[in-house]
Protein backbone atom coordinates (compact mmCIF):
# COMPACT_ATOMS: atom_id res chain seq x y z
CA MET A 1 2.06 308.36 7.10
CA LYS A 2 0.29 307.99 3.81
CA PRO A 3 -1.33 311.17 2.42
CA MET A 4 -5.09 310.96 1.71
CA PRO A 5 -5.57 310.57 -2.10
CA ILE A 6 -6.98 313.42 -4.09
CA ARG A 7 -10.00 312.51 -6.09
CA GLU A 8 -8.81 312.35 -9.68
CA THR A 9 -11.95 311.26 -11.55
CA PRO A 10 -15.60 310.54 -10.63
CA ASN A 11 -15.85 307.29 -8.74
CA GLY A 12 -19.53 306.68 -9.14
CA SER A 13 -20.47 307.88 -5.67
CA PRO A 14 -23.62 310.14 -5.39
CA ARG A 15 -23.05 313.77 -5.75
CA GLU A 16 -23.69 315.88 -2.65
CA SER A 17 -26.67 318.15 -3.13
CA PHE A 18 -26.39 321.78 -2.43
CA SER A 19 -28.47 324.95 -2.96
CA THR A 20 -28.16 326.62 -6.36
CA SER A 21 -29.67 329.88 -5.06
CA GLU A 22 -26.14 331.15 -4.57
CA PRO A 23 -23.85 329.98 -7.38
CA ILE A 24 -20.32 328.79 -6.58
CA SER A 25 -17.89 331.59 -7.56
CA VAL A 26 -14.81 330.56 -9.52
CA VAL A 27 -11.52 332.23 -10.37
CA GLY A 28 -9.08 330.69 -12.84
CA VAL A 29 -5.30 331.09 -12.70
CA CYS A 30 -3.18 330.62 -15.85
CA LEU A 31 -5.63 328.25 -17.48
CA ASP A 32 -4.95 327.24 -21.09
CA ASP A 33 -7.46 328.27 -23.74
CA GLU A 34 -9.07 324.85 -23.99
CA THR A 35 -9.66 324.55 -20.22
CA TRP A 36 -10.96 328.09 -19.89
CA THR A 37 -13.34 327.59 -22.81
CA ALA A 38 -14.66 324.36 -21.28
CA LEU A 39 -15.19 326.17 -18.01
CA LYS A 40 -17.15 328.98 -19.65
CA GLN A 41 -19.32 326.38 -21.51
CA PHE A 42 -20.02 324.62 -18.21
CA ALA A 43 -21.03 327.91 -16.51
CA GLU A 44 -23.29 328.83 -19.42
CA SER A 45 -25.13 325.52 -19.37
CA ALA A 46 -25.60 325.13 -15.62
CA PRO A 47 -26.40 327.63 -12.82
CA LEU A 48 -23.98 325.90 -10.46
CA ILE A 49 -20.99 328.24 -10.96
CA GLN A 50 -20.27 331.88 -11.69
CA LEU A 51 -17.03 332.74 -13.29
CA ARG A 52 -15.48 335.74 -11.64
CA SER A 53 -12.18 336.29 -13.39
CA HIS A 54 -9.18 334.71 -15.04
CA LEU A 55 -5.75 335.70 -13.72
CA SER A 56 -3.07 335.52 -16.38
CA ASP A 57 -0.09 335.15 -13.98
CA TYR A 58 0.66 333.21 -10.82
CA ARG A 59 0.58 335.24 -7.60
CA VAL A 60 3.27 334.16 -5.17
CA GLN A 61 3.75 337.15 -2.90
CA GLU A 62 3.05 335.89 0.60
CA SER A 63 2.31 339.44 1.81
CA GLU A 64 -0.73 339.78 -0.41
CA SER A 65 -4.13 339.58 1.27
CA PRO A 66 -6.99 337.64 -0.25
CA LEU A 67 -8.66 340.86 -1.38
CA ASP A 68 -5.39 341.92 -3.10
CA LEU A 69 -5.56 338.62 -4.99
CA PHE A 70 -9.31 338.42 -5.84
CA GLY A 71 -10.77 341.89 -5.38
CA THR A 72 -13.91 342.59 -3.33
CA SER A 73 -14.40 339.03 -2.04
CA VAL A 74 -12.70 335.65 -2.10
CA PRO A 75 -14.08 333.01 -4.45
CA ASP A 76 -15.45 329.57 -3.43
CA ILE A 77 -13.07 327.86 -5.95
CA CYS A 78 -9.73 328.77 -7.50
CA ILE A 79 -8.66 326.56 -10.41
CA ILE A 80 -4.91 326.63 -11.03
CA ASP A 81 -3.21 325.24 -14.14
CA PHE A 82 -0.08 323.34 -13.10
CA ASP A 83 1.23 322.68 -16.64
CA ARG A 84 2.66 326.10 -17.50
CA ASP A 85 5.04 326.27 -14.45
CA ARG A 86 4.49 323.58 -11.79
CA ARG A 87 6.77 325.27 -9.23
CA LYS A 88 5.02 328.64 -9.45
CA ALA A 89 1.62 326.96 -9.49
CA GLY A 90 2.46 325.17 -6.28
CA LEU A 91 3.72 328.38 -4.67
CA ALA A 92 0.56 330.19 -5.74
CA ALA A 93 -1.58 327.41 -4.27
CA GLU A 94 0.25 327.59 -0.95
CA VAL A 95 -0.18 331.37 -0.74
CA ILE A 96 -3.88 331.23 -1.50
CA HIS A 97 -4.44 328.29 0.76
CA ALA A 98 -2.82 330.09 3.66
CA SER A 99 -4.64 333.41 3.15
CA ALA A 100 -8.08 332.26 2.01
CA HIS A 101 -9.06 329.28 4.11
CA ASP A 102 -12.58 328.88 2.66
CA THR A 103 -11.46 328.87 -0.99
CA ALA A 104 -11.20 325.37 -2.47
CA LEU A 105 -8.20 324.89 -4.80
CA PHE A 106 -8.41 322.72 -7.87
CA ALA A 107 -5.31 321.71 -9.77
CA VAL A 108 -5.61 321.01 -13.47
CA SER A 109 -2.99 319.15 -15.42
CA SER A 110 -2.40 316.76 -18.31
CA ASP A 111 0.03 314.74 -16.23
CA PRO A 112 -1.42 312.02 -13.96
CA GLN A 113 1.89 311.00 -12.23
CA PRO A 114 1.21 310.18 -8.55
CA ASP A 115 4.13 312.36 -7.36
CA PHE A 116 2.66 315.41 -9.08
CA ILE A 117 -0.76 314.69 -7.57
CA ILE A 118 0.75 314.45 -4.05
CA GLN A 119 2.70 317.72 -4.62
CA ALA A 120 -0.45 319.53 -5.57
CA MET A 121 -2.21 318.12 -2.46
CA ARG A 122 0.59 319.25 -0.23
CA SER A 123 0.28 322.77 -1.76
CA GLY A 124 -3.38 322.87 -0.59
CA CYS A 125 -5.37 321.53 -3.52
CA SER A 126 -8.33 319.41 -2.77
CA GLU A 127 -9.00 318.22 -6.41
CA TYR A 128 -6.73 317.16 -9.23
CA LEU A 129 -8.57 317.44 -12.55
CA LEU A 130 -7.08 315.77 -15.60
CA LYS A 131 -7.09 317.53 -18.99
CA PRO A 132 -9.20 317.67 -21.02
CA VAL A 133 -11.54 318.59 -18.18
CA GLY A 134 -14.87 316.88 -18.76
CA ARG A 135 -18.26 318.13 -17.64
CA GLU A 136 -18.92 315.14 -15.32
CA GLN A 137 -15.48 315.46 -13.73
CA LEU A 138 -16.01 319.15 -13.05
CA LEU A 139 -19.60 318.73 -11.91
CA ASN A 140 -18.63 316.23 -9.22
CA ALA A 141 -15.78 318.38 -7.94
CA VAL A 142 -17.96 321.52 -7.78
CA ALA A 143 -20.77 319.56 -6.06
CA ARG A 144 -18.38 318.50 -3.30
CA VAL A 145 -17.42 322.13 -2.71
CA GLY A 146 -21.09 323.04 -2.58
CA GLY A 147 -21.78 320.28 -0.02
CA ARG A 148 -18.96 321.53 2.22
CA ARG A 149 -20.22 325.09 1.98
CA ARG A 150 -23.69 323.99 2.96
CA GLU A 151 -22.36 322.11 5.98
CA ARG A 152 -20.29 325.13 7.08
CA LEU A 153 -23.59 327.12 7.22
CA GLN A 154 -25.41 324.54 9.29
CA PRO A 155 -25.64 325.39 13.02
CA ASN A 156 -23.32 323.46 15.33
CA LYS A 157 -25.26 321.33 17.86
CA ALA A 158 -22.92 318.88 19.54
CA GLN A 159 -21.60 319.35 23.05
CA VAL A 160 -17.83 318.79 23.01
CA TYR A 161 -16.36 317.42 26.24
CA ALA A 162 -12.62 316.98 26.49
CA PHE A 163 -11.05 314.55 29.00
CA MET A 164 -7.39 314.66 30.11
CA GLY A 165 -5.62 312.88 32.90
CA ALA A 166 -3.73 314.86 35.55
CA LYS A 167 -1.04 312.16 34.89
CA GLY A 168 -0.88 308.88 33.00
CA GLY A 169 -2.85 306.01 34.45
CA CYS A 170 -5.87 307.95 35.75
CA GLY A 171 -8.25 305.93 33.64
CA VAL A 172 -9.26 308.51 31.06
CA THR A 173 -9.62 306.21 28.08
CA SER A 174 -11.68 303.74 30.11
CA LEU A 175 -13.94 306.54 31.33
CA VAL A 176 -14.46 308.12 27.91
CA THR A 177 -15.21 304.82 26.09
CA GLN A 178 -17.71 303.72 28.79
CA LEU A 179 -19.39 307.07 28.89
CA GLY A 180 -19.52 307.28 25.08
CA ALA A 181 -21.04 303.81 24.72
CA LEU A 182 -23.67 304.72 27.33
CA PHE A 183 -24.56 307.92 25.53
CA ALA A 184 -25.12 305.99 22.35
CA SER A 185 -26.98 302.90 23.78
CA SER A 186 -28.81 303.97 26.89
CA PHE A 187 -29.57 307.53 25.81
CA SER A 188 -29.83 307.07 22.03
CA LYS A 189 -27.53 309.98 21.40
CA LYS A 190 -25.48 310.22 18.25
CA THR A 191 -22.08 310.14 19.87
CA LEU A 192 -18.49 310.33 18.76
CA VAL A 193 -15.26 309.56 20.61
CA VAL A 194 -12.08 311.18 19.22
CA ASP A 195 -8.79 309.70 20.38
CA LEU A 196 -6.44 312.70 20.35
CA HIS A 197 -3.37 310.77 21.49
CA PRO A 198 -0.50 311.57 19.00
CA ASP A 199 0.54 307.90 19.16
CA PHE A 200 -0.34 304.65 21.01
CA GLY A 201 -3.96 305.59 21.69
CA ASP A 202 -6.04 302.82 23.22
CA ALA A 203 -9.69 303.84 22.64
CA ALA A 204 -10.05 301.45 19.65
CA LEU A 205 -8.57 298.59 21.64
CA TYR A 206 -10.91 299.25 24.64
CA LEU A 207 -13.89 299.15 22.32
CA GLY A 208 -12.76 296.04 20.50
CA LEU A 209 -12.40 297.89 17.19
CA THR A 210 -9.55 296.52 15.18
CA ARG A 211 -10.38 297.40 11.62
CA TYR A 212 -9.80 300.98 10.53
CA ARG A 213 -7.69 302.67 7.87
CA TYR A 214 -7.01 306.24 9.00
CA HIS A 215 -6.57 308.18 12.21
CA PHE A 216 -7.61 311.63 13.48
CA PHE A 217 -4.45 313.55 12.55
CA GLU A 218 -4.87 312.42 8.93
CA LEU A 219 -8.39 313.86 9.02
CA VAL A 220 -7.05 317.18 10.38
CA GLU A 221 -4.64 317.31 7.52
CA ASN A 222 -7.54 317.22 5.09
CA THR A 223 -9.79 319.95 6.59
CA ASP A 224 -10.19 321.64 3.20
CA ARG A 225 -11.73 318.44 1.83
CA LEU A 226 -14.10 317.57 4.68
CA ASP A 227 -17.41 316.15 3.61
CA ALA A 228 -19.63 313.25 4.64
CA GLU A 229 -17.91 310.82 2.25
CA LEU A 230 -14.41 311.57 3.57
CA LEU A 231 -15.59 311.46 7.21
CA GLY A 232 -17.14 308.07 6.64
CA SER A 233 -13.78 306.57 5.72
CA PHE A 234 -12.33 307.59 9.10
CA LEU A 235 -15.09 306.27 11.37
CA ALA A 236 -15.04 302.98 13.25
CA HIS A 237 -18.42 301.79 14.62
CA HIS A 238 -19.08 300.10 17.96
CA SER A 239 -21.99 297.76 18.57
CA SER A 240 -23.45 300.26 21.03
CA GLY A 241 -23.95 302.81 18.21
CA LEU A 242 -20.91 304.81 19.24
CA ASP A 243 -18.62 306.13 16.54
CA LEU A 244 -14.85 306.44 16.98
CA ILE A 245 -12.06 308.31 15.16
CA PRO A 246 -8.94 306.46 16.41
CA ALA A 247 -5.45 307.60 17.17
CA PRO A 248 -2.36 306.47 15.22
CA GLU A 249 -1.49 302.84 15.88
CA GLY A 250 2.17 303.53 16.69
CA ASN A 251 4.80 306.15 16.75
CA ASP A 252 3.95 308.05 13.59
CA MET A 253 6.08 310.51 11.65
CA PRO A 254 6.28 314.07 13.11
CA ARG A 255 3.35 316.09 11.75
CA ARG A 256 2.71 319.77 11.33
CA ILE A 257 -0.81 320.70 12.27
CA GLN A 258 -1.83 324.08 10.85
CA PRO A 259 -3.17 326.55 13.50
CA GLY A 260 -6.91 326.39 13.60
CA ALA A 261 -7.14 323.01 11.86
CA ILE A 262 -8.37 321.16 14.89
CA ALA A 263 -11.05 323.78 15.57
CA GLN A 264 -12.11 323.69 11.94
CA THR A 265 -12.39 319.86 12.06
CA PHE A 266 -14.53 319.96 15.18
CA ASP A 267 -16.79 322.63 13.77
CA PHE A 268 -17.54 320.19 10.98
CA LEU A 269 -18.08 317.30 13.38
CA LYS A 270 -20.31 319.24 15.73
CA ALA A 271 -22.98 319.59 13.01
CA ARG A 272 -23.26 315.79 12.82
CA TYR A 273 -23.38 314.62 16.45
CA ASP A 274 -25.15 315.23 19.74
CA TYR A 275 -22.08 314.57 21.89
CA ILE A 276 -18.33 314.44 21.10
CA LEU A 277 -16.01 313.08 23.81
CA VAL A 278 -12.29 313.71 23.33
CA ASP A 279 -9.67 311.39 24.84
CA MET A 280 -6.57 313.57 25.20
CA ALA A 281 -3.07 312.49 26.24
CA PRO A 282 -1.71 314.07 29.44
CA GLY A 283 0.14 317.32 28.92
CA LEU A 284 -0.33 320.72 27.36
CA SER A 285 0.80 320.33 23.79
CA ASP A 286 -0.31 322.75 21.06
CA GLU A 287 -2.94 320.30 19.95
CA ASN A 288 -4.34 319.89 23.44
CA LEU A 289 -4.41 323.62 24.04
CA GLU A 290 -6.34 324.21 20.83
CA MET A 291 -8.79 321.50 21.77
CA ILE A 292 -9.23 323.01 25.30
CA ARG A 293 -9.99 326.40 23.86
CA HIS A 294 -12.56 324.91 21.44
CA CYS A 295 -14.36 322.47 23.74
CA ASP A 296 -17.37 323.28 25.96
CA HIS A 297 -15.76 321.82 29.07
CA LEU A 298 -12.41 320.29 29.96
CA HIS A 299 -12.72 317.38 32.43
CA VAL A 300 -9.42 316.88 34.27
CA VAL A 301 -9.46 313.26 35.54
CA THR A 302 -7.45 312.66 38.70
CA VAL A 303 -7.11 310.10 41.43
CA ALA A 304 -6.47 310.59 45.15
CA GLU A 305 -2.68 310.60 44.83
CA VAL A 306 -0.28 313.41 45.65
CA SER A 307 1.37 313.41 42.30
CA ALA A 308 -1.90 313.57 40.37
CA LEU A 309 -3.29 316.38 42.52
CA ARG A 310 -0.10 318.33 42.13
CA ASN A 311 -0.31 318.01 38.37
CA ALA A 312 -3.96 319.11 38.40
CA VAL A 313 -3.01 322.28 40.25
CA ARG A 314 -0.21 322.94 37.67
CA HIS A 315 -2.62 322.37 34.76
CA PHE A 316 -5.19 324.84 36.17
CA ASP A 317 -2.61 327.47 36.93
CA TYR A 318 -1.10 327.21 33.39
CA LEU A 319 -4.46 327.27 31.66
CA THR A 320 -5.61 330.25 33.72
CA ARG A 321 -2.45 332.16 32.57
CA LYS A 322 -3.49 331.27 29.02
CA GLU A 323 -6.76 333.18 29.74
CA ILE A 324 -9.01 330.06 29.69
CA PRO A 325 -11.78 330.63 32.17
CA ARG A 326 -11.71 328.40 35.26
CA GLU A 327 -15.44 327.83 35.10
CA ARG A 328 -14.82 325.69 32.01
CA PHE A 329 -12.68 323.28 34.06
CA ARG A 330 -14.27 320.23 35.77
CA VAL A 331 -12.59 317.84 38.13
CA ILE A 332 -13.43 314.18 37.83
CA LEU A 333 -12.21 312.04 40.75
CA ASN A 334 -11.77 308.53 39.39
CA ARG A 335 -11.52 305.32 41.50
CA HIS A 336 -13.08 307.14 44.42
CA GLN A 337 -13.17 305.45 47.82
CA LYS A 338 -15.07 306.84 50.82
CA ARG A 339 -12.23 305.85 53.18
CA SER A 340 -9.36 307.26 51.09
CA LEU A 341 -6.20 308.41 52.78
CA ILE A 342 -6.83 311.84 51.26
CA ALA A 343 -10.32 313.15 52.06
CA ASP A 344 -12.50 314.78 49.43
CA ASN A 345 -12.46 318.18 51.19
CA GLU A 346 -8.64 318.09 51.31
CA ILE A 347 -8.53 317.41 47.63
CA GLU A 348 -10.84 320.36 46.87
CA LYS A 349 -8.74 322.61 49.07
CA THR A 350 -5.54 321.52 47.34
CA ILE A 351 -6.70 322.01 43.79
CA GLY A 352 -8.79 325.15 44.61
CA GLN A 353 -11.84 323.73 42.81
CA ARG A 354 -14.81 321.65 43.72
CA ILE A 355 -14.95 317.98 42.52
CA PHE A 356 -17.50 317.88 39.71
CA TRP A 357 -18.00 314.11 39.71
CA LYS A 358 -16.75 311.04 41.59
CA VAL A 359 -16.51 307.69 39.86
CA PRO A 360 -16.44 304.72 42.27
CA ASN A 361 -13.50 302.40 42.46
CA GLN A 362 -14.32 299.11 40.82
CA TYR A 363 -10.93 298.51 39.28
CA ALA A 364 -11.31 294.78 38.77
CA HIS A 365 -14.67 295.16 36.93
CA VAL A 366 -13.23 297.83 34.70
CA VAL A 367 -10.16 295.80 33.80
CA LYS A 368 -12.46 292.93 32.93
CA ALA A 369 -14.41 295.16 30.65
CA ILE A 370 -11.22 296.37 28.90
CA ASN A 371 -10.08 292.78 28.44
CA GLY A 372 -13.42 291.89 26.96
CA GLY A 373 -13.49 294.77 24.54
CA ASP A 374 -17.04 295.84 25.38
CA PRO A 375 -17.56 298.36 28.19
CA ILE A 376 -21.42 297.99 28.06
CA ALA A 377 -21.94 294.27 28.38
CA SER A 378 -19.29 293.68 31.00
CA LEU A 379 -20.33 296.53 33.23
CA SER A 380 -24.14 296.66 32.67
CA SER A 381 -25.04 296.05 36.29
CA SER A 382 -22.02 297.58 38.02
CA ASP A 383 -21.95 300.61 40.26
CA VAL A 384 -19.63 302.26 37.71
CA THR A 385 -22.28 302.05 34.96
CA LYS A 386 -24.99 303.34 37.30
CA ASN A 387 -22.70 306.19 38.24
CA LEU A 388 -21.81 307.00 34.60
CA LYS A 389 -25.51 307.05 33.65
CA GLU A 390 -26.08 309.66 36.33
CA PHE A 391 -23.08 311.54 34.99
CA ALA A 392 -24.55 311.42 31.47
CA SER A 393 -27.81 312.83 32.74
CA THR A 394 -25.91 315.63 34.54
CA LEU A 395 -24.38 316.43 31.14
CA GLY A 396 -27.87 316.81 29.69
CA ALA A 397 -28.71 313.40 28.26
CA LYS A 398 -32.17 311.86 28.77
CA PRO A 399 -32.68 308.10 29.02
CA SER A 400 -34.12 306.38 25.95
CA THR A 401 -37.00 303.89 26.14
CA GLY A 402 -35.31 301.46 23.70
CA THR A 403 -33.45 298.30 24.49
CA GLU A 404 -29.68 298.73 24.96
CA LYS A 405 -27.50 297.01 22.42
CA ARG A 406 -25.40 294.17 23.71
CA LYS A 407 -22.65 292.27 22.18
CA GLU A 408 -20.13 289.87 23.72
CA GLY A 409 -16.54 291.07 23.73
CA THR A 410 -14.00 289.54 21.49
CA GLY A 411 -11.43 289.13 24.24
CA LEU A 412 -8.12 290.78 24.76
CA LEU A 413 -6.08 288.28 22.73
CA GLY A 414 -8.39 288.82 19.75
CA LEU A 415 -7.96 292.63 19.94
CA LEU A 416 -4.14 292.51 19.73
CA GLY A 417 -4.12 291.09 16.22
CA ARG A 418 -5.05 294.23 14.21
CA SER A 419 -5.73 293.93 10.51
């Protein structure tokens, strides 16, 4: 997996605006005289930053708290010089990044080697500034931090609904993509689908989206750099108006997701959308558990089969032991048939929970929509679409008066050739 590049120099993109009523606080660590002087001149000429202090040695004690490092409060930015001792600078960045999550770390160095930039990024630095540090270079980096601070203070508004199959093959991805496209087109809601499968996710395929560069887990690994510009590079856009952050295309390298990183990422996303639908792989991985704790409701999608119902019971029992309230769980019975061998009341008795929603069985229509790569056009007049529109209304959406967007699917064979 390729690491996201650190911004090295201004790239001509507009600076993000932010309030200057509260200056950005800055602490320097082992900066050379020239860089510290340039920083002081910048602070004197613009009200954007407030220099707090300059530490003359690297702090690498993992036991130190943020207040031990910085005094009464943590700064917004910590600028670390990597030229004096690159190893100690990296260790210091790791300690600060682990203990002060809201502090942005800037590396400064005279060496532009890509390996050094990647090492600084892995230590937690979000910017790599080349010496001599120019005013424009510093201004753009500080502005990005200010933009992220402003967005953290914005109230969250999106409803986050997670969907997980009781077992594989319950139709979760199809349900999520259809529902998401309906939210965006029929209800004019700013909607995002996140494919949380660790590998081989199919949401992009079902939506006919074949051109994208990055996946969700790469976004999670860059939480300290989240802003509108970075998010835009991760989004794929469907003709219905739906946005998607896809899963990895294949079996990616093992990744270490920091505790709280998924929750932090969704806190950022919630300020930008009305609804976020999460397509999760079956199972109770650490990533799934964090998502379940952070979402508004978990929708467990099952079918009227013994193995699926047994797994649903096991999921609910496990999550209850993890102190997740049962009232946050919802059961979605997919491919529902009125004359099923297992009656609805028997299903509810088995799982110990009422069925929240029943999606009718129109398997042939749904498969046709998947093959066409457009869940809206192919299912526009089906009972499934009518049912999901009612489901969306139950979730709080109100129909729009505009015309729904339509686009013919590209076909399954066209979707398999990703570029």
